[in-house]
Amino acid sequence: MLDLNEKLYEELLAGEKPLLVEYWAPWCVYCRRIVVAMEQVAKNHEGRLVVGRINIDDFPALADRERIEVVPTLVLYHRGDALGSMVAPESRSRIEEFLEDYLEN
């Protein structure tokens, strides 16, 4: 899982591979709890999907632009378009179910 800044976010957003972004904050206890799940998702989809996270405290303008109101929020992008989002996923399996709706196997 990549820690994204604005430049890397913009580069990956324009890329060919889908991009799953977790918008998070260091003060968010739940965000810290799902780190392992997000890392497993990144590993499971290596080569097919880029997984990264953006600290909304470091990049508030980006979070505002993407209308992020609650953390953690996951947004799946492809070729610059947001395909779908989910707030506070309960588990890694729930994240995988979310991705199945958009990714081809």
N, C-alpha and C. Protein backbone atom coordinates (compact mmCIF):
# COMPACT_ATOMS: atom_id res chain seq x y z
N MET A 1 0.86 -1.18 0.00
CA MET A 1 0.00 0.00 0.00
C MET A 1 0.90 1.23 0.00
N LEU A 2 0.58 2.15 -0.86
CA LEU A 2 1.38 3.36 -1.03
C LEU A 2 0.82 4.51 -0.20
N ASP A 3 1.71 5.28 0.39
CA ASP A 3 1.31 6.55 1.00
C ASP A 3 1.38 7.59 -0.11
N LEU A 4 0.24 8.16 -0.44
CA LEU A 4 0.13 9.06 -1.59
C LEU A 4 0.27 10.52 -1.19
N ASN A 5 0.90 11.27 -2.09
CA ASN A 5 0.87 12.73 -2.02
C ASN A 5 0.07 13.19 -3.24
N GLU A 6 -0.13 14.47 -3.39
CA GLU A 6 -0.97 14.96 -4.49
C GLU A 6 -0.41 14.59 -5.86
N LYS A 7 0.90 14.71 -6.03
CA LYS A 7 1.51 14.43 -7.33
C LYS A 7 1.36 12.95 -7.69
N LEU A 8 1.70 12.06 -6.76
CA LEU A 8 1.58 10.63 -7.04
C LEU A 8 0.12 10.24 -7.25
N TYR A 9 -0.76 10.82 -6.47
CA TYR A 9 -2.20 10.56 -6.63
C TYR A 9 -2.64 10.90 -8.05
N GLU A 10 -2.26 12.07 -8.53
CA GLU A 10 -2.66 12.51 -9.88
C GLU A 10 -2.07 11.59 -10.95
N GLU A 11 -0.82 11.15 -10.77
CA GLU A 11 -0.19 10.26 -11.74
C GLU A 11 -0.91 8.91 -11.79
N LEU A 12 -1.18 8.34 -10.62
CA LEU A 12 -1.84 7.04 -10.56
C LEU A 12 -3.29 7.12 -11.03
N LEU A 13 -3.94 8.23 -10.74
CA LEU A 13 -5.32 8.44 -11.15
C LEU A 13 -5.45 8.38 -12.67
N ALA A 14 -4.46 8.90 -13.36
CA ALA A 14 -4.47 8.93 -14.83
C ALA A 14 -3.97 7.62 -15.44
N GLY A 15 -3.51 6.70 -14.62
CA GLY A 15 -2.93 5.46 -15.11
C GLY A 15 -3.96 4.46 -15.62
N GLU A 16 -3.46 3.38 -16.18
CA GLU A 16 -4.31 2.33 -16.74
C GLU A 16 -4.92 1.42 -15.69
N LYS A 17 -4.21 1.22 -14.58
CA LYS A 17 -4.70 0.31 -13.55
C LYS A 17 -5.70 1.03 -12.64
N PRO A 18 -6.70 0.30 -12.18
CA PRO A 18 -7.61 0.90 -11.18
C PRO A 18 -6.82 1.28 -9.94
N LEU A 19 -7.30 2.30 -9.25
CA LEU A 19 -6.65 2.83 -8.05
C LEU A 19 -7.66 2.84 -6.92
N LEU A 20 -7.34 2.11 -5.85
CA LEU A 20 -8.16 2.11 -4.64
C LEU A 20 -7.48 3.01 -3.62
N VAL A 21 -8.17 4.06 -3.22
CA VAL A 21 -7.60 5.03 -2.27
C VAL A 21 -8.37 4.97 -0.96
N GLU A 22 -7.62 4.87 0.13
CA GLU A 22 -8.20 5.01 1.46
C GLU A 22 -7.89 6.42 1.94
N TYR A 23 -8.92 7.19 2.19
CA TYR A 23 -8.77 8.50 2.81
C TYR A 23 -8.82 8.26 4.31
N TRP A 24 -7.77 8.68 5.02
CA TRP A 24 -7.63 8.35 6.43
C TRP A 24 -7.02 9.54 7.19
N ALA A 25 -6.91 9.38 8.49
CA ALA A 25 -6.27 10.38 9.34
C ALA A 25 -5.60 9.66 10.51
N PRO A 26 -4.48 10.19 11.01
CA PRO A 26 -3.76 9.53 12.10
C PRO A 26 -4.58 9.45 13.39
N TRP A 27 -5.49 10.36 13.60
CA TRP A 27 -6.30 10.37 14.82
C TRP A 27 -7.49 9.40 14.73
N CYS A 28 -7.70 8.79 13.58
CA CYS A 28 -8.82 7.87 13.35
C CYS A 28 -8.43 6.47 13.81
N VAL A 29 -9.00 6.03 14.91
CA VAL A 29 -8.70 4.71 15.46
C VAL A 29 -9.09 3.62 14.47
N TYR A 30 -10.24 3.73 13.87
CA TYR A 30 -10.69 2.71 12.93
C TYR A 30 -9.75 2.62 11.72
N CYS A 31 -9.22 3.76 11.29
CA CYS A 31 -8.29 3.76 10.16
C CYS A 31 -7.06 2.90 10.49
N ARG A 32 -6.57 3.04 11.70
CA ARG A 32 -5.40 2.25 12.11
C ARG A 32 -5.74 0.77 12.18
N ARG A 33 -6.98 0.45 12.53
CA ARG A 33 -7.40 -0.95 12.65
C ARG A 33 -7.49 -1.66 11.30
N ILE A 34 -7.78 -0.94 10.23
CA ILE A 34 -7.93 -1.62 8.93
C ILE A 34 -6.66 -1.61 8.08
N VAL A 35 -5.55 -1.12 8.63
CA VAL A 35 -4.31 -1.09 7.86
C VAL A 35 -3.93 -2.48 7.36
N VAL A 36 -3.99 -3.47 8.23
CA VAL A 36 -3.62 -4.83 7.82
C VAL A 36 -4.53 -5.34 6.71
N ALA A 37 -5.81 -5.08 6.83
CA ALA A 37 -6.75 -5.50 5.79
C ALA A 37 -6.42 -4.83 4.46
N MET A 38 -6.12 -3.56 4.49
CA MET A 38 -5.78 -2.84 3.26
C MET A 38 -4.49 -3.37 2.65
N GLU A 39 -3.51 -3.69 3.49
CA GLU A 39 -2.26 -4.26 2.99
C GLU A 39 -2.51 -5.63 2.34
N GLN A 40 -3.40 -6.42 2.92
CA GLN A 40 -3.73 -7.72 2.34
C GLN A 40 -4.45 -7.56 1.01
N VAL A 41 -5.33 -6.59 0.92
CA VAL A 41 -6.02 -6.31 -0.34
C VAL A 41 -4.99 -5.92 -1.41
N ALA A 42 -4.05 -5.06 -1.04
CA ALA A 42 -3.01 -4.65 -1.99
C ALA A 42 -2.22 -5.86 -2.47
N LYS A 43 -1.87 -6.74 -1.57
CA LYS A 43 -1.11 -7.93 -1.92
C LYS A 43 -1.93 -8.88 -2.80
N ASN A 44 -3.20 -9.07 -2.47
CA ASN A 44 -4.07 -9.97 -3.23
C ASN A 44 -4.28 -9.50 -4.67
N HIS A 45 -4.22 -8.20 -4.89
CA HIS A 45 -4.50 -7.64 -6.22
C HIS A 45 -3.27 -7.03 -6.87
N GLU A 46 -2.11 -7.39 -6.38
CA GLU A 46 -0.86 -6.86 -6.93
C GLU A 46 -0.79 -7.11 -8.43
N GLY A 47 -0.45 -6.07 -9.17
CA GLY A 47 -0.37 -6.17 -10.62
C GLY A 47 -1.65 -5.81 -11.35
N ARG A 48 -2.78 -5.88 -10.65
CA ARG A 48 -4.09 -5.57 -11.25
C ARG A 48 -4.68 -4.27 -10.73
N LEU A 49 -4.26 -3.90 -9.52
CA LEU A 49 -4.87 -2.78 -8.80
C LEU A 49 -3.79 -2.08 -8.00
N VAL A 50 -3.82 -0.76 -7.99
CA VAL A 50 -2.92 0.01 -7.14
C VAL A 50 -3.71 0.42 -5.90
N VAL A 51 -3.13 0.20 -4.73
CA VAL A 51 -3.79 0.55 -3.47
C VAL A 51 -2.93 1.57 -2.75
N GLY A 52 -3.56 2.66 -2.36
CA GLY A 52 -2.84 3.72 -1.66
C GLY A 52 -3.73 4.39 -0.65
N ARG A 53 -3.12 5.27 0.13
CA ARG A 53 -3.89 6.01 1.12
C ARG A 53 -3.43 7.45 1.16
N ILE A 54 -4.38 8.31 1.49
CA ILE A 54 -4.12 9.75 1.58
C ILE A 54 -4.51 10.23 2.96
N ASN A 55 -3.57 10.85 3.63
CA ASN A 55 -3.81 11.44 4.94
C ASN A 55 -4.54 12.77 4.72
N ILE A 56 -5.79 12.83 5.14
CA ILE A 56 -6.59 14.04 4.89
C ILE A 56 -6.10 15.24 5.69
N ASP A 57 -5.35 15.00 6.77
CA ASP A 57 -4.78 16.13 7.52
C ASP A 57 -3.63 16.77 6.74
N ASP A 58 -2.90 15.97 5.97
CA ASP A 58 -1.80 16.49 5.17
C ASP A 58 -2.27 17.10 3.85
N PHE A 59 -3.40 16.60 3.34
CA PHE A 59 -3.91 17.06 2.04
C PHE A 59 -5.39 17.41 2.14
N PRO A 60 -5.74 18.41 2.95
CA PRO A 60 -7.15 18.75 3.15
C PRO A 60 -7.85 19.25 1.88
N ALA A 61 -7.13 19.94 1.02
CA ALA A 61 -7.75 20.44 -0.21
C ALA A 61 -8.15 19.28 -1.13
N LEU A 62 -7.32 18.26 -1.16
CA LEU A 62 -7.64 17.08 -1.96
C LEU A 62 -8.86 16.36 -1.39
N ALA A 63 -8.90 16.22 -0.08
CA ALA A 63 -10.06 15.59 0.57
C ALA A 63 -11.33 16.40 0.31
N ASP A 64 -11.22 17.72 0.36
CA ASP A 64 -12.38 18.57 0.07
C ASP A 64 -12.83 18.40 -1.38
N ARG A 65 -11.86 18.38 -2.28
CA ARG A 65 -12.18 18.24 -3.71
C ARG A 65 -12.90 16.92 -3.98
N GLU A 66 -12.51 15.88 -3.27
CA GLU A 66 -13.13 14.56 -3.47
C GLU A 66 -14.36 14.37 -2.57
N ARG A 67 -14.71 15.41 -1.82
CA ARG A 67 -15.90 15.41 -0.95
C ARG A 67 -15.86 14.31 0.11
N ILE A 68 -14.69 14.15 0.72
CA ILE A 68 -14.51 13.16 1.78
C ILE A 68 -14.97 13.80 3.08
N GLU A 69 -15.99 13.23 3.69
CA GLU A 69 -16.55 13.77 4.92
C GLU A 69 -16.31 12.89 6.13
N VAL A 70 -16.07 11.58 5.89
CA VAL A 70 -15.88 10.61 6.96
C VAL A 70 -14.66 9.78 6.64
N VAL A 71 -13.87 9.46 7.66
CA VAL A 71 -12.74 8.54 7.46
C VAL A 71 -12.94 7.32 8.33
N PRO A 72 -12.54 6.17 7.84
CA PRO A 72 -11.96 5.95 6.52
C PRO A 72 -13.02 5.85 5.43
N THR A 73 -12.70 6.43 4.31
CA THR A 73 -13.51 6.28 3.10
C THR A 73 -12.62 5.68 2.03
N LEU A 74 -13.10 4.65 1.37
CA LEU A 74 -12.39 4.04 0.25
C LEU A 74 -13.08 4.46 -1.04
N VAL A 75 -12.27 4.85 -2.01
CA VAL A 75 -12.80 5.22 -3.33
C VAL A 75 -12.01 4.46 -4.37
N LEU A 76 -12.72 3.81 -5.28
CA LEU A 76 -12.09 3.10 -6.39
C LEU A 76 -12.20 3.98 -7.63
N TYR A 77 -11.04 4.25 -8.25
CA TYR A 77 -10.96 5.07 -9.45
C TYR A 77 -10.44 4.22 -10.61
N HIS A 78 -10.85 4.60 -11.81
CA HIS A 78 -10.25 4.01 -13.01
C HIS A 78 -10.25 5.06 -14.10
N ARG A 79 -9.05 5.31 -14.61
CA ARG A 79 -8.85 6.31 -15.66
C ARG A 79 -9.44 7.67 -15.28
N GLY A 80 -9.26 8.03 -14.02
CA GLY A 80 -9.67 9.35 -13.55
C GLY A 80 -11.08 9.45 -13.03
N ASP A 81 -11.88 8.42 -13.22
CA ASP A 81 -13.27 8.44 -12.78
C ASP A 81 -13.45 7.63 -11.50
N ALA A 82 -14.25 8.16 -10.59
CA ALA A 82 -14.61 7.41 -9.38
C ALA A 82 -15.68 6.40 -9.76
N LEU A 83 -15.38 5.11 -9.54
CA LEU A 83 -16.34 4.06 -9.87
C LEU A 83 -17.28 3.78 -8.72
N GLY A 84 -16.79 3.93 -7.50
CA GLY A 84 -17.60 3.63 -6.33
C GLY A 84 -16.83 3.94 -5.06
N SER A 85 -17.56 3.98 -3.95
CA SER A 85 -16.91 4.27 -2.67
C SER A 85 -17.61 3.51 -1.55
N MET A 86 -16.91 3.40 -0.45
CA MET A 86 -17.49 2.80 0.75
C MET A 86 -16.88 3.47 1.97
N VAL A 87 -17.67 3.58 3.01
CA VAL A 87 -17.24 4.22 4.24
C VAL A 87 -17.12 3.16 5.33
N ALA A 88 -16.00 3.20 6.05
CA ALA A 88 -15.76 2.32 7.20
C ALA A 88 -16.08 0.86 6.94
N PRO A 89 -15.34 0.24 6.02
CA PRO A 89 -15.60 -1.18 5.75
C PRO A 89 -15.40 -2.03 7.00
N GLU A 90 -16.27 -3.00 7.17
CA GLU A 90 -16.23 -3.82 8.38
C GLU A 90 -15.07 -4.80 8.40
N SER A 91 -14.60 -5.23 7.22
CA SER A 91 -13.59 -6.28 7.17
C SER A 91 -12.92 -6.30 5.81
N ARG A 92 -11.84 -7.10 5.71
CA ARG A 92 -11.17 -7.28 4.43
C ARG A 92 -12.13 -7.94 3.44
N SER A 93 -12.93 -8.89 3.91
CA SER A 93 -13.86 -9.56 2.99
C SER A 93 -14.88 -8.58 2.42
N ARG A 94 -15.29 -7.61 3.21
CA ARG A 94 -16.23 -6.60 2.70
C ARG A 94 -15.56 -5.73 1.64
N ILE A 95 -14.29 -5.41 1.82
CA ILE A 95 -13.54 -4.64 0.82
C ILE A 95 -13.43 -5.46 -0.47
N GLU A 96 -13.13 -6.75 -0.32
CA GLU A 96 -13.02 -7.63 -1.49
C GLU A 96 -14.35 -7.71 -2.24
N GLU A 97 -15.47 -7.80 -1.51
CA GLU A 97 -16.79 -7.83 -2.14
C GLU A 97 -17.04 -6.54 -2.93
N PHE A 98 -16.68 -5.42 -2.33
CA PHE A 98 -16.81 -4.13 -3.00
C PHE A 98 -16.02 -4.13 -4.31
N LEU A 99 -14.78 -4.62 -4.27
CA LEU A 99 -13.94 -4.63 -5.46
C LEU A 99 -14.47 -5.57 -6.53
N GLU A 100 -15.04 -6.69 -6.13
CA GLU A 100 -15.59 -7.67 -7.09
C GLU A 100 -16.64 -7.04 -8.00
N ASP A 101 -17.36 -6.06 -7.47
CA ASP A 101 -18.38 -5.40 -8.28
C ASP A 101 -17.78 -4.63 -9.45
N TYR A 102 -16.49 -4.29 -9.36
CA TYR A 102 -15.87 -3.43 -10.38
C TYR A 102 -14.72 -4.07 -11.14
N LEU A 103 -14.03 -5.03 -10.53
CA LEU A 103 -12.85 -5.61 -11.16
C LEU A 103 -13.18 -6.93 -11.83
N GLU A 104 -12.60 -7.14 -12.99
CA GLU A 104 -12.76 -8.41 -13.68
C GLU A 104 -11.74 -9.38 -13.13
N ASN A 105 -12.11 -10.63 -13.01
CA ASN A 105 -11.17 -11.65 -12.51
C ASN A 105 -10.34 -12.24 -13.61
